[in-house]
Amino acid sequence: MLFLTIFQIVSYLIDIIVFVVIVQFVLGLLIAFNVVNMHNQFVSALYTALNAILDPMLRPIRKIMPNTGAIDFSPMVLIIGLKILQIIFGNLAMAGY
């Protein structure tokens, strides 16, 4: 029962991280295509905060992955890795239940 509760908490945190990665990706696209401007204080603060939150998780992935030029696949690798981790923890929680 305790492991199921821990799984639910970890699963919720993984979902939040995935959401933050998606928000950072969309905001990065909006900045790249000049839809929103980095001179706006709110946009600049939001993008800086998202990068500060996600950079410790994305930096090790970027070191391992080959340089692909302008396309950064590390957010996708992070999402896939977190979802795999979520599936593994879910199966362990159900097996112990």
Protein backbone atom coordinates (compact mmCIF):
# COMPACT_ATOMS: atom_id res chain seq x y z
CA MET A 1 0.00 0.00 0.00
CA LEU A 2 2.86 2.37 0.80
CA PHE A 3 4.58 1.62 -2.51
CA LEU A 4 1.35 2.40 -4.38
CA THR A 5 1.17 5.78 -2.64
CA ILE A 6 4.80 6.51 -3.48
CA PHE A 7 4.13 5.50 -7.09
CA GLN A 8 1.18 7.89 -7.30
CA ILE A 9 3.29 10.76 -5.95
CA VAL A 10 6.18 10.01 -8.32
CA SER A 11 3.75 9.62 -11.22
CA TYR A 12 2.21 13.00 -10.45
CA LEU A 13 5.67 14.63 -10.34
CA ILE A 14 6.61 13.00 -13.65
CA ASP A 15 3.42 14.38 -15.22
CA ILE A 16 4.30 17.86 -13.97
CA ILE A 17 7.84 17.62 -15.41
CA VAL A 18 6.48 16.45 -18.77
CA PHE A 19 4.07 19.39 -18.80
CA VAL A 20 6.91 21.82 -18.02
CA VAL A 21 9.02 20.33 -20.84
CA ILE A 22 6.15 20.79 -23.29
CA VAL A 23 5.58 24.39 -22.14
CA GLN A 24 9.30 25.14 -22.54
CA PHE A 25 9.29 23.62 -26.02
CA VAL A 26 6.25 25.60 -27.17
CA LEU A 27 7.59 28.81 -25.66
CA GLY A 28 10.93 28.21 -27.38
CA LEU A 29 9.14 27.80 -30.72
CA LEU A 30 7.14 30.98 -30.15
CA ILE A 31 10.36 32.86 -29.38
CA ALA A 32 12.19 31.36 -32.37
CA PHE A 33 9.41 32.34 -34.78
CA ASN A 34 9.22 35.80 -33.20
CA VAL A 35 5.60 35.40 -32.08
CA VAL A 36 6.55 36.50 -28.59
CA ASN A 37 9.48 38.75 -27.79
CA MET A 38 12.18 38.14 -25.19
CA HIS A 39 12.10 41.88 -24.42
CA ASN A 40 8.81 41.25 -22.63
CA GLN A 41 9.69 40.84 -18.93
CA PHE A 42 7.12 38.10 -18.30
CA VAL A 43 8.24 36.00 -21.28
CA SER A 44 11.89 36.45 -20.38
CA ALA A 45 11.32 35.53 -16.73
CA LEU A 46 9.17 32.52 -17.63
CA TYR A 47 11.66 31.18 -20.17
CA THR A 48 14.58 31.70 -17.78
CA ALA A 49 12.72 29.92 -14.96
CA LEU A 50 11.77 26.98 -17.17
CA ASN A 51 15.37 26.64 -18.36
CA ALA A 52 16.64 26.79 -14.77
CA ILE A 53 14.22 24.03 -13.75
CA LEU A 54 14.86 21.73 -16.71
CA ASP A 55 18.55 22.31 -17.40
CA PRO A 56 19.81 19.93 -14.65
CA MET A 57 17.72 17.15 -16.20
CA LEU A 58 18.50 17.97 -19.84
CA ARG A 59 22.26 18.65 -19.52
CA PRO A 60 23.31 14.98 -18.99
CA ILE A 61 21.14 13.91 -21.93
CA ARG A 62 22.69 16.61 -24.15
CA LYS A 63 26.18 15.39 -23.21
CA ILE A 64 25.38 11.83 -24.30
CA MET A 65 23.45 12.62 -27.49
CA PRO A 66 25.24 13.51 -30.72
CA ASN A 67 25.03 17.08 -31.98
CA THR A 68 22.11 17.30 -34.41
CA GLY A 69 22.50 20.96 -35.27
CA ALA A 70 19.54 23.23 -34.72
CA ILE A 71 17.19 20.47 -33.51
CA ASP A 72 17.42 19.52 -29.84
CA PHE A 73 16.04 16.05 -29.18
CA SER A 74 16.92 16.01 -25.47
CA PRO A 75 13.41 17.08 -24.29
CA MET A 76 11.88 14.20 -26.25
CA VAL A 77 14.42 11.76 -24.76
CA LEU A 78 13.63 13.10 -21.27
CA ILE A 79 9.89 12.64 -21.77
CA ILE A 80 10.33 9.11 -23.12
CA GLY A 81 12.66 8.20 -20.25
CA LEU A 82 10.30 9.58 -17.63
CA LYS A 83 7.33 7.74 -19.14
CA ILE A 84 9.31 4.48 -19.19
CA LEU A 85 10.20 5.08 -15.54
CA GLN A 86 6.54 5.72 -14.79
CA ILE A 87 5.53 2.43 -16.45
CA ILE A 88 8.19 0.49 -14.53
CA PHE A 89 7.13 2.00 -11.19
CA GLY A 90 3.48 1.36 -12.03
CA ASN A 91 4.14 -2.30 -12.72
CA LEU A 92 6.18 -2.63 -9.53
CA ALA A 93 3.38 -0.97 -7.53
CA MET A 94 0.76 -3.31 -9.00
CA ALA A 95 2.94 -6.36 -8.41
CA GLY A 96 3.38 -5.42 -4.74
CA TYR A 97 -0.30 -4.68 -4.32
